[in-house]
Amino acid sequence: MSERTAAAPETLLAPAVQVSQSEITQEIRDLHADLARREDAGESLPATMHDFPPYRSSILRHPTKNPKLVDPETIELLSPAFGQRDVAAIESDLTIQHVGEPLGERMTVRGRVTDSWGRPVANQLVELWQANSSGRYIHQRDQHPAPLDPNFTGAGRAVTDDAGEYLFTTIKPGPYPWKNHINAWRPAHIHFSIFGSSFSQRLVTQMYFPGDPLFALDPIYNTIWRQQDRDSLVGVYDHDLTSPEWSTGYCFDIVVDGPDATWFEPEEDRP
């Protein structure tokens, strides 16, 4: 029996006949305009639309029935526990986890995790994962023809300090194709997760990079239909954080609740 690499979910869910990028882009514009009209008319709308037709597989991914409440204490008894002692300092530097140095633009990402009142959220586990500089994940489902980097795994962890701050050293990821439509490419991004005070409170978001030409073309980014909400996911270049002849610097603050909260992926929408 021959072994076959599992196909990516996007491949399995992609329609037999795919549309062009120009058609997807027009769908996004039309939907954004319609949502803006509905909000102007007084309708209360969420920050992100679960049923977003340009994101083809979102129609199959989002829940179709009301979610059921579960006892969080039961989950916490059976789930892993995380604490500051479990996280080694080396885990926050993704460029020194192997024998050699990874290829690509070295960068530092620093930010604060706060609540809606601006108070720091200390001692929180922050996880990061990403593609390498060529846009390739180390994952059996990622088989597009971009090179893997033997010196870059693309995953790290840190714990926020008393001021709610975290810091990672990593490599700027590249964009990658994802088969939602003809010639579909995702903007370069880094995934972040925050664990709160228990495993059942995990929040997941993405950080993008300023000026990416793929923003207007990407259905996932545009499920967040208000521009101001999309802007909150774009890291800010920080020249003071940039190190001479070493790395560029970006700031990415995360607000966990309230009206200014960073947009997080609903757990039921994650593959």
C-alpha atoms as a PDB file:
ATOM      1  CA  MET A   1       0.000   0.000   0.000  1.00  0.00           C
ATOM      2  CA  SER A   2       1.572   3.271  -1.086  1.00  0.00           C
ATOM      3  CA  GLU A   3       1.664   6.266   1.234  1.00  0.00           C
ATOM      4  CA  ARG A   4       0.015   9.450   0.065  1.00  0.00           C
ATOM      5  CA  THR A   5       0.311  12.894   1.586  1.00  0.00           C
ATOM      6  CA  ALA A   6      -2.991  14.123   2.972  1.00  0.00           C
ATOM      7  CA  ALA A   7      -4.526  16.892   0.917  1.00  0.00           C
ATOM      8  CA  ALA A   8      -4.979  20.300   2.487  1.00  0.00           C
ATOM      9  CA  PRO A   9      -8.540  21.090   3.637  1.00  0.00           C
ATOM     10  CA  GLU A  10      -8.754  23.902   1.100  1.00  0.00           C
ATOM     11  CA  THR A  11      -8.071  21.375  -1.657  1.00  0.00           C
ATOM     12  CA  LEU A  12     -10.799  19.064  -0.420  1.00  0.00           C
ATOM     13  CA  LEU A  13     -13.328  21.856  -0.058  1.00  0.00           C
ATOM     14  CA  ALA A  14     -12.480  23.784  -3.222  1.00  0.00           C
ATOM     15  CA  PRO A  15     -15.212  23.796  -5.878  1.00  0.00           C
ATOM     16  CA  ALA A  16     -14.609  21.849  -9.090  1.00  0.00           C
ATOM     17  CA  VAL A  17     -14.848  25.077 -11.102  1.00  0.00           C
ATOM     18  CA  GLN A  18     -12.849  27.894  -9.533  1.00  0.00           C
ATOM     19  CA  VAL A  19     -13.353  31.576 -10.228  1.00  0.00           C
ATOM     20  CA  SER A  20     -10.728  34.193 -10.987  1.00  0.00           C
ATOM     21  CA  GLN A  21      -9.128  36.634  -8.576  1.00  0.00           C
ATOM     22  CA  SER A  22     -10.981  39.549 -10.204  1.00  0.00           C
ATOM     23  CA  GLU A  23     -14.314  37.831  -9.530  1.00  0.00           C
ATOM     24  CA  ILE A  24     -13.391  37.152  -5.901  1.00  0.00           C
ATOM     25  CA  THR A  25     -12.212  40.751  -5.442  1.00  0.00           C
ATOM     26  CA  GLN A  26     -15.489  42.083  -6.824  1.00  0.00           C
ATOM     27  CA  GLU A  27     -17.456  39.771  -4.514  1.00  0.00           C
ATOM     28  CA  ILE A  28     -15.499  41.171  -1.556  1.00  0.00           C
ATOM     29  CA  ARG A  29     -16.191  44.777  -2.585  1.00  0.00           C
ATOM     30  CA  ASP A  30     -19.895  44.115  -3.091  1.00  0.00           C
ATOM     31  CA  LEU A  31     -20.231  42.377   0.268  1.00  0.00           C
ATOM     32  CA  HIS A  32     -18.359  45.120   2.127  1.00  0.00           C
ATOM     33  CA  ALA A  33     -20.609  47.750   0.545  1.00  0.00           C
ATOM     34  CA  ASP A  34     -23.736  45.787   1.443  1.00  0.00           C
ATOM     35  CA  LEU A  35     -22.596  45.288   5.046  1.00  0.00           C
ATOM     36  CA  ALA A  36     -21.814  48.998   5.377  1.00  0.00           C
ATOM     37  CA  ARG A  37     -25.314  49.871   4.110  1.00  0.00           C
ATOM     38  CA  ARG A  38     -26.884  47.449   6.582  1.00  0.00           C
ATOM     39  CA  GLU A  39     -24.945  48.931   9.481  1.00  0.00           C
ATOM     40  CA  ASP A  40     -25.817  52.484   8.401  1.00  0.00           C
ATOM     41  CA  ALA A  41     -29.464  51.387   8.433  1.00  0.00           C
ATOM     42  CA  GLY A  42     -29.143  50.442  12.105  1.00  0.00           C
ATOM     43  CA  GLU A  43     -28.432  46.713  11.910  1.00  0.00           C
ATOM     44  CA  SER A  44     -26.002  45.349  14.500  1.00  0.00           C
ATOM     45  CA  LEU A  45     -23.330  43.308  12.739  1.00  0.00           C
ATOM     46  CA  PRO A  46     -20.363  41.275  14.036  1.00  0.00           C
ATOM     47  CA  ALA A  47     -16.800  42.302  13.231  1.00  0.00           C
ATOM     48  CA  THR A  48     -16.312  39.234  11.062  1.00  0.00           C
ATOM     49  CA  MET A  49     -18.773  37.353   8.882  1.00  0.00           C
ATOM     50  CA  HIS A  50     -18.741  33.568   9.345  1.00  0.00           C
ATOM     51  CA  ASP A  51     -20.702  32.993   6.143  1.00  0.00           C
ATOM     52  CA  PHE A  52     -18.497  34.874   3.679  1.00  0.00           C
ATOM     53  CA  PRO A  53     -18.935  33.477   0.141  1.00  0.00           C
ATOM     54  CA  PRO A  54     -15.563  34.723  -1.280  1.00  0.00           C
ATOM     55  CA  TYR A  55     -13.922  32.541   1.391  1.00  0.00           C
ATOM     56  CA  ARG A  56     -15.315  29.450  -0.291  1.00  0.00           C
ATOM     57  CA  SER A  57     -14.813  26.887   2.455  1.00  0.00           C
ATOM     58  CA  SER A  58     -16.176  29.224   5.169  1.00  0.00           C
ATOM     59  CA  ILE A  59     -19.668  28.142   4.122  1.00  0.00           C
ATOM     60  CA  LEU A  60     -18.747  24.589   5.161  1.00  0.00           C
ATOM     61  CA  ARG A  61     -16.568  25.540   8.140  1.00  0.00           C
ATOM     62  CA  HIS A  62     -18.828  27.815  10.158  1.00  0.00           C
ATOM     63  CA  PRO A  63     -21.410  26.337  12.581  1.00  0.00           C
ATOM     64  CA  THR A  64     -24.943  25.827  11.320  1.00  0.00           C
ATOM     65  CA  LYS A  65     -26.502  25.103  14.728  1.00  0.00           C
ATOM     66  CA  ASN A  66     -26.514  26.963  18.039  1.00  0.00           C
ATOM     67  CA  PRO A  67     -23.412  26.147  20.121  1.00  0.00           C
ATOM     68  CA  LYS A  68     -23.911  24.101  23.268  1.00  0.00           C
ATOM     69  CA  LEU A  69     -22.598  25.266  26.622  1.00  0.00           C
ATOM     70  CA  VAL A  70     -20.248  22.903  28.445  1.00  0.00           C
ATOM     71  CA  ASP A  71     -18.913  22.853  31.978  1.00  0.00           C
ATOM     72  CA  PRO A  72     -15.539  24.676  31.807  1.00  0.00           C
ATOM     73  CA  GLU A  73     -14.335  23.038  35.032  1.00  0.00           C
ATOM     74  CA  THR A  74     -14.549  19.599  33.416  1.00  0.00           C
ATOM     75  CA  ILE A  75     -12.458  20.788  30.475  1.00  0.00           C
ATOM     76  CA  GLU A  76      -9.840  22.319  32.746  1.00  0.00           C
ATOM     77  CA  LEU A  77      -9.487  19.103  34.752  1.00  0.00           C
ATOM     78  CA  LEU A  78      -8.642  17.127  31.616  1.00  0.00           C
ATOM     79  CA  SER A  79      -6.681  19.737  29.644  1.00  0.00           C
ATOM     80  CA  PRO A  80      -2.969  20.593  29.790  1.00  0.00           C
ATOM     81  CA  ALA A  81      -1.799  23.174  32.312  1.00  0.00           C
ATOM     82  CA  PHE A  82       0.638  25.882  31.297  1.00  0.00           C
ATOM     83  CA  GLY A  83       2.819  28.025  33.491  1.00  0.00           C
ATOM     84  CA  GLN A  84       5.945  30.135  33.425  1.00  0.00           C
ATOM     85  CA  ARG A  85       8.136  27.185  34.500  1.00  0.00           C
ATOM     86  CA  ASP A  86       7.144  25.239  31.366  1.00  0.00           C
ATOM     87  CA  VAL A  87       8.491  27.855  28.929  1.00  0.00           C
ATOM     88  CA  ALA A  88      12.224  28.050  28.269  1.00  0.00           C
ATOM     89  CA  ALA A  89      13.833  31.334  27.211  1.00  0.00           C
ATOM     90  CA  ILE A  90      15.111  29.771  23.973  1.00  0.00           C
ATOM     91  CA  GLU A  91      11.527  29.198  22.805  1.00  0.00           C
ATOM     92  CA  SER A  92      10.957  32.895  22.112  1.00  0.00           C
ATOM     93  CA  ASP A  93      13.860  33.061  19.644  1.00  0.00           C
ATOM     94  CA  LEU A  94      12.951  31.050  16.546  1.00  0.00           C
ATOM     95  CA  THR A  95      16.315  31.808  14.920  1.00  0.00           C
ATOM     96  CA  ILE A  96      18.487  29.802  17.373  1.00  0.00           C
ATOM     97  CA  GLN A  97      16.477  26.592  17.742  1.00  0.00           C
ATOM     98  CA  HIS A  98      18.615  24.626  15.259  1.00  0.00           C
ATOM     99  CA  VAL A  99      22.261  24.097  14.385  1.00  0.00           C
ATOM    100  CA  GLY A 100      22.345  26.721  11.645  1.00  0.00           C
ATOM    101  CA  GLU A 101      20.684  30.071  11.053  1.00  0.00           C
ATOM    102  CA  PRO A 102      17.396  30.218   9.134  1.00  0.00           C
ATOM    103  CA  LEU A 103      17.160  32.023   5.809  1.00  0.00           C
ATOM    104  CA  GLY A 104      15.233  35.268   5.430  1.00  0.00           C
ATOM    105  CA  GLU A 105      14.731  38.653   7.032  1.00  0.00           C
ATOM    106  CA  ARG A 106      15.389  38.444  10.765  1.00  0.00           C
ATOM    107  CA  MET A 107      12.815  40.399  12.758  1.00  0.00           C
ATOM    108  CA  THR A 108      11.808  41.161  16.329  1.00  0.00           C
ATOM    109  CA  VAL A 109       8.143  41.318  17.340  1.00  0.00           C
ATOM    110  CA  ARG A 110       7.254  43.010  20.612  1.00  0.00           C
ATOM    111  CA  GLY A 111       3.875  43.880  22.059  1.00  0.00           C
ATOM    112  CA  ARG A 112       1.650  44.154  25.105  1.00  0.00           C
ATOM    113  CA  VAL A 113      -1.348  42.070  26.050  1.00  0.00           C
ATOM    114  CA  THR A 114      -3.924  44.296  27.783  1.00  0.00           C
ATOM    115  CA  ASP A 115      -7.590  44.350  28.674  1.00  0.00           C
ATOM    116  CA  SER A 116     -10.074  46.955  27.430  1.00  0.00           C
ATOM    117  CA  TRP A 117      -9.057  49.373  30.221  1.00  0.00           C
ATOM    118  CA  GLY A 118      -5.406  49.232  29.151  1.00  0.00           C
ATOM    119  CA  ARG A 119      -4.362  47.162  32.145  1.00  0.00           C
ATOM    120  CA  PRO A 120      -1.539  44.670  31.479  1.00  0.00           C
ATOM    121  CA  VAL A 121      -2.395  40.972  31.355  1.00  0.00           C
ATOM    122  CA  ALA A 122       0.626  39.406  33.033  1.00  0.00           C
ATOM    123  CA  ASN A 123       1.879  35.809  33.105  1.00  0.00           C
ATOM    124  CA  GLN A 124       0.001  34.822  29.958  1.00  0.00           C
ATOM    125  CA  LEU A 125       1.255  32.140  27.610  1.00  0.00           C
ATOM    126  CA  VAL A 126       1.694  33.582  24.102  1.00  0.00           C
ATOM    127  CA  GLU A 127       2.245  31.111  21.270  1.00  0.00           C
ATOM    128  CA  LEU A 128       3.461  31.978  17.779  1.00  0.00           C
ATOM    129  CA  TRP A 129       3.533  29.891  14.614  1.00  0.00           C
ATOM    130  CA  GLN A 130       4.201  30.800  10.994  1.00  0.00           C
ATOM    131  CA  ALA A 131       5.462  29.832   7.549  1.00  0.00           C
ATOM    132  CA  ASN A 132       9.127  30.224   6.709  1.00  0.00           C
ATOM    133  CA  SER A 133      10.580  32.968   4.509  1.00  0.00           C
ATOM    134  CA  SER A 134       9.491  31.153   1.346  1.00  0.00           C
ATOM    135  CA  GLY A 135       5.905  30.751   2.570  1.00  0.00           C
ATOM    136  CA  ARG A 136       6.157  27.067   3.523  1.00  0.00           C
ATOM    137  CA  TYR A 137       4.963  25.408   6.738  1.00  0.00           C
ATOM    138  CA  ILE A 138       6.605  22.284   8.126  1.00  0.00           C
ATOM    139  CA  HIS A 139       3.429  20.260   7.810  1.00  0.00           C
ATOM    140  CA  GLN A 140       2.567  17.207   5.733  1.00  0.00           C
ATOM    141  CA  ARG A 141      -0.442  18.992   4.236  1.00  0.00           C
ATOM    142  CA  ASP A 142       1.668  21.867   2.956  1.00  0.00           C
ATOM    143  CA  GLN A 143       3.122  20.491  -0.275  1.00  0.00           C
ATOM    144  CA  HIS A 144       3.344  23.528  -2.542  1.00  0.00           C
ATOM    145  CA  PRO A 145       6.704  23.801  -4.341  1.00  0.00           C
ATOM    146  CA  ALA A 146       8.537  26.193  -2.029  1.00  0.00           C
ATOM    147  CA  PRO A 147      11.664  25.089  -0.128  1.00  0.00           C
ATOM    148  CA  LEU A 148      11.636  23.999   3.482  1.00  0.00           C
ATOM    149  CA  ASP A 149      14.275  25.489   5.777  1.00  0.00           C
ATOM    150  CA  PRO A 150      16.001  22.834   7.923  1.00  0.00           C
ATOM    151  CA  ASN A 151      16.944  25.559  10.418  1.00  0.00           C
ATOM    152  CA  PHE A 152      13.458  26.968  10.907  1.00  0.00           C
ATOM    153  CA  THR A 153      10.551  25.174  12.570  1.00  0.00           C
ATOM    154  CA  GLY A 154       8.275  28.219  12.777  1.00  0.00           C
ATOM    155  CA  ALA A 155       6.902  27.882  16.314  1.00  0.00           C
ATOM    156  CA  GLY A 156       7.681  29.629  19.588  1.00  0.00           C
ATOM    157  CA  ARG A 157       6.357  30.463  23.050  1.00  0.00           C
ATOM    158  CA  ALA A 158       6.766  33.259  25.586  1.00  0.00           C
ATOM    159  CA  VAL A 159       5.119  34.380  28.827  1.00  0.00           C
ATOM    160  CA  THR A 160       4.111  38.015  29.325  1.00  0.00           C
ATOM    161  CA  ASP A 161       5.907  39.924  32.074  1.00  0.00           C
ATOM    162  CA  ASP A 162       4.329  42.097  34.783  1.00  0.00           C
ATOM    163  CA  ALA A 163       3.767  44.866  32.211  1.00  0.00           C
ATOM    164  CA  GLY A 164       1.966  42.428  29.890  1.00  0.00           C
ATOM    165  CA  GLU A 165       4.845  42.528  27.400  1.00  0.00           C
ATOM    166  CA  TYR A 166       6.160  39.720  25.192  1.00  0.00           C
ATOM    167  CA  LEU A 167       9.026  39.572  22.685  1.00  0.00           C
ATOM    168  CA  PHE A 168       9.900  37.152  19.872  1.00  0.00           C
ATOM    169  CA  THR A 169      12.810  36.957  17.464  1.00  0.00           C
ATOM    170  CA  THR A 170      11.889  35.242  14.215  1.00  0.00           C
ATOM    171  CA  ILE A 171      12.060  35.388  10.405  1.00  0.00           C
ATOM    172  CA  LYS A 172       9.601  37.361   8.291  1.00  0.00           C
ATOM    173  CA  PRO A 173       7.257  34.814   6.679  1.00  0.00           C
ATOM    174  CA  GLY A 174       6.480  34.722   2.986  1.00  0.00           C
ATOM    175  CA  PRO A 175       3.032  34.654   1.328  1.00  0.00           C
ATOM    176  CA  TYR A 176       1.704  31.300   0.135  1.00  0.00           C
ATOM    177  CA  PRO A 177      -0.921  29.846  -2.241  1.00  0.00           C
ATOM    178  CA  TRP A 178      -4.051  28.274  -0.758  1.00  0.00           C
ATOM    179  CA  LYS A 179      -6.347  27.158  -3.632  1.00  0.00           C
ATOM    180  CA  ASN A 180      -9.468  29.109  -2.626  1.00  0.00           C
ATOM    181  CA  HIS A 181      -9.680  30.339  -6.226  1.00  0.00           C
ATOM    182  CA  ILE A 182      -7.416  30.624  -9.259  1.00  0.00           C
ATOM    183  CA  ASN A 183      -4.057  32.116  -8.245  1.00  0.00           C
ATOM    184  CA  ALA A 184      -5.118  32.656  -4.616  1.00  0.00           C
ATOM    185  CA  TRP A 185      -2.342  33.846  -2.265  1.00  0.00           C
ATOM    186  CA  ARG A 186      -2.477  34.612   1.442  1.00  0.00           C
ATOM    187  CA  PRO A 187      -0.716  37.765   2.688  1.00  0.00           C
ATOM    188  CA  ALA A 188       2.324  37.128   4.879  1.00  0.00           C
ATOM    189  CA  HIS A 189       1.197  36.669   8.479  1.00  0.00           C
ATOM    190  CA  ILE A 190       2.098  35.287  11.889  1.00  0.00           C
ATOM    191  CA  HIS A 191      -0.390  33.375  14.042  1.00  0.00           C
ATOM    192  CA  PHE A 192      -0.675  34.256  17.742  1.00  0.00           C
ATOM    193  CA  SER A 193      -2.594  32.570  20.520  1.00  0.00           C
ATOM    194  CA  ILE A 194      -3.263  33.792  24.067  1.00  0.00           C
ATOM    195  CA  PHE A 195      -4.289  31.310  26.737  1.00  0.00           C
ATOM    196  CA  GLY A 196      -5.887  33.565  29.360  1.00  0.00           C
ATOM    197  CA  SER A 197      -6.238  32.002  32.807  1.00  0.00           C
ATOM    198  CA  SER A 198      -7.171  28.510  31.607  1.00  0.00           C
ATOM    199  CA  PHE A 199      -6.837  26.227  28.590  1.00  0.00           C
ATOM    200  CA  SER A 200     -10.498  26.732  27.656  1.00  0.00           C
ATOM    201  CA  GLN A 201      -9.973  30.505  27.222  1.00  0.00           C
ATOM    202  CA  ARG A 202      -7.574  30.265  24.279  1.00  0.00           C
ATOM    203  CA  LEU A 203      -7.790  33.137  21.760  1.00  0.00           C
ATOM    204  CA  VAL A 204      -6.193  33.014  18.305  1.00  0.00           C
ATOM    205  CA  THR A 205      -5.404  35.884  15.937  1.00  0.00           C
ATOM    206  CA  GLN A 206      -3.030  36.820  13.093  1.00  0.00           C
ATOM    207  CA  MET A 207      -0.539  39.647  12.642  1.00  0.00           C
ATOM    208  CA  TYR A 208      -0.036  41.018   9.122  1.00  0.00           C
ATOM    209  CA  PHE A 209       2.606  43.382   7.718  1.00  0.00           C
ATOM    210  CA  PRO A 210       2.177  47.003   6.591  1.00  0.00           C
ATOM    211  CA  GLY A 211       1.520  47.735   2.929  1.00  0.00           C
ATOM    212  CA  ASP A 212       0.961  44.145   1.780  1.00  0.00           C
ATOM    213  CA  PRO A 213      -0.414  44.227  -1.809  1.00  0.00           C
ATOM    214  CA  LEU A 214      -2.410  41.044  -1.134  1.00  0.00           C
ATOM    215  CA  PHE A 215      -4.702  42.639   1.479  1.00  0.00           C
ATOM    216  CA  ALA A 216      -7.447  43.617  -0.963  1.00  0.00           C
ATOM    217  CA  LEU A 217      -7.288  40.208  -2.653  1.00  0.00           C
ATOM    218  CA  ASP A 218      -7.521  37.926   0.387  1.00  0.00           C
ATOM    219  CA  PRO A 219     -10.976  36.625   1.413  1.00  0.00           C
ATOM    220  CA  ILE A 220      -9.870  35.552   4.907  1.00  0.00           C
ATOM    221  CA  TYR A 221      -8.483  38.982   5.785  1.00  0.00           C
ATOM    222  CA  ASN A 222     -11.628  40.559   4.349  1.00  0.00           C
ATOM    223  CA  THR A 223     -14.098  38.507   6.366  1.00  0.00           C
ATOM    224  CA  ILE A 224     -13.302  41.308   8.832  1.00  0.00           C
ATOM    225  CA  TRP A 225     -15.321  43.822   6.877  1.00  0.00           C
ATOM    226  CA  ARG A 226     -14.588  47.133   8.648  1.00  0.00           C
ATOM    227  CA  GLN A 227     -11.285  48.740   7.683  1.00  0.00           C
ATOM    228  CA  GLN A 228     -10.526  49.862  11.252  1.00  0.00           C
ATOM    229  CA  ASP A 229     -10.868  46.284  12.506  1.00  0.00           C
ATOM    230  CA  ARG A 230      -8.595  44.985   9.750  1.00  0.00           C
ATOM    231  CA  ASP A 231      -6.042  47.690  10.594  1.00  0.00           C
ATOM    232  CA  SER A 232      -5.807  46.366  14.170  1.00  0.00           C
ATOM    233  CA  LEU A 233      -4.259  43.165  12.795  1.00  0.00           C
ATOM    234  CA  VAL A 234      -1.405  44.943  11.005  1.00  0.00           C
ATOM    235  CA  GLY A 235       1.852  45.173  12.942  1.00  0.00           C
ATOM    236  CA  VAL A 236       3.540  48.558  13.190  1.00  0.00           C
ATOM    237  CA  TYR A 237       7.125  48.969  12.033  1.00  0.00           C
ATOM    238  CA  ASP A 238       9.199  50.303  14.969  1.00  0.00           C
ATOM    239  CA  HIS A 239      12.589  51.732  14.070  1.00  0.00           C
ATOM    240  CA  ASP A 240      13.572  52.042  17.727  1.00  0.00           C
ATOM    241  CA  LEU A 241      13.015  48.290  18.079  1.00  0.00           C
ATOM    242  CA  THR A 242      15.028  47.642  14.913  1.00  0.00           C
ATOM    243  CA  SER A 243      18.621  46.579  15.685  1.00  0.00           C
ATOM    244  CA  PRO A 244      21.563  47.829  13.573  1.00  0.00           C
ATOM    245  CA  GLU A 245      22.764  45.141  11.156  1.00  0.00           C
ATOM    246  CA  TRP A 246      20.664  42.544  12.984  1.00  0.00           C
ATOM    247  CA  SER A 247      16.868  42.702  12.679  1.00  0.00           C
ATOM    248  CA  THR A 248      13.873  44.860  11.790  1.00  0.00           C
ATOM    249  CA  GLY A 249      11.343  45.545  14.533  1.00  0.00           C
ATOM    250  CA  TYR A 250       7.547  45.386  14.640  1.00  0.00           C
ATOM    251  CA  CYS A 251       5.060  46.101  17.422  1.00  0.00           C
ATOM    252  CA  PHE A 252       1.826  44.149  17.757  1.00  0.00           C
ATOM    253  CA  ASP A 253      -0.345  44.894  20.793  1.00  0.00           C
ATOM    254  CA  ILE A 254      -3.213  42.535  21.647  1.00  0.00           C
ATOM    255  CA  VAL A 255      -6.381  43.673  23.447  1.00  0.00           C
ATOM    256  CA  VAL A 256      -8.300  40.693  24.813  1.00  0.00           C
ATOM    257  CA  ASP A 257     -11.748  42.159  25.451  1.00  0.00           C
ATOM    258  CA  GLY A 258     -14.039  45.181  25.116  1.00  0.00           C
ATOM    259  CA  PRO A 259     -14.913  47.343  22.093  1.00  0.00           C
ATOM    260  CA  ASP A 260     -11.246  47.742  21.108  1.00  0.00           C
ATOM    261  CA  ALA A 261     -10.458  44.033  21.303  1.00  0.00           C
ATOM    262  CA  THR A 262      -8.154  42.549  18.696  1.00  0.00           C
ATOM    263  CA  TRP A 263     -10.124  40.336  16.313  1.00  0.00           C
ATOM    264  CA  PHE A 264      -9.785  36.663  17.234  1.00  0.00           C
ATOM    265  CA  GLU A 265     -10.678  33.603  15.177  1.00  0.00           C
ATOM    266  CA  PRO A 266     -13.778  31.841  16.543  1.00  0.00           C
ATOM    267  CA  GLU A 267     -12.606  28.426  17.740  1.00  0.00           C
ATOM    268  CA  GLU A 268     -15.226  26.579  15.703  1.00  0.00           C
ATOM    269  CA  ASP A 269     -13.846  28.146  12.499  1.00  0.00           C
ATOM    270  CA  ARG A 270     -10.342  26.794  12.954  1.00  0.00           C
ATOM    271  CA  PRO A 271      -9.383  23.652  11.007  1.00  0.00           C
END
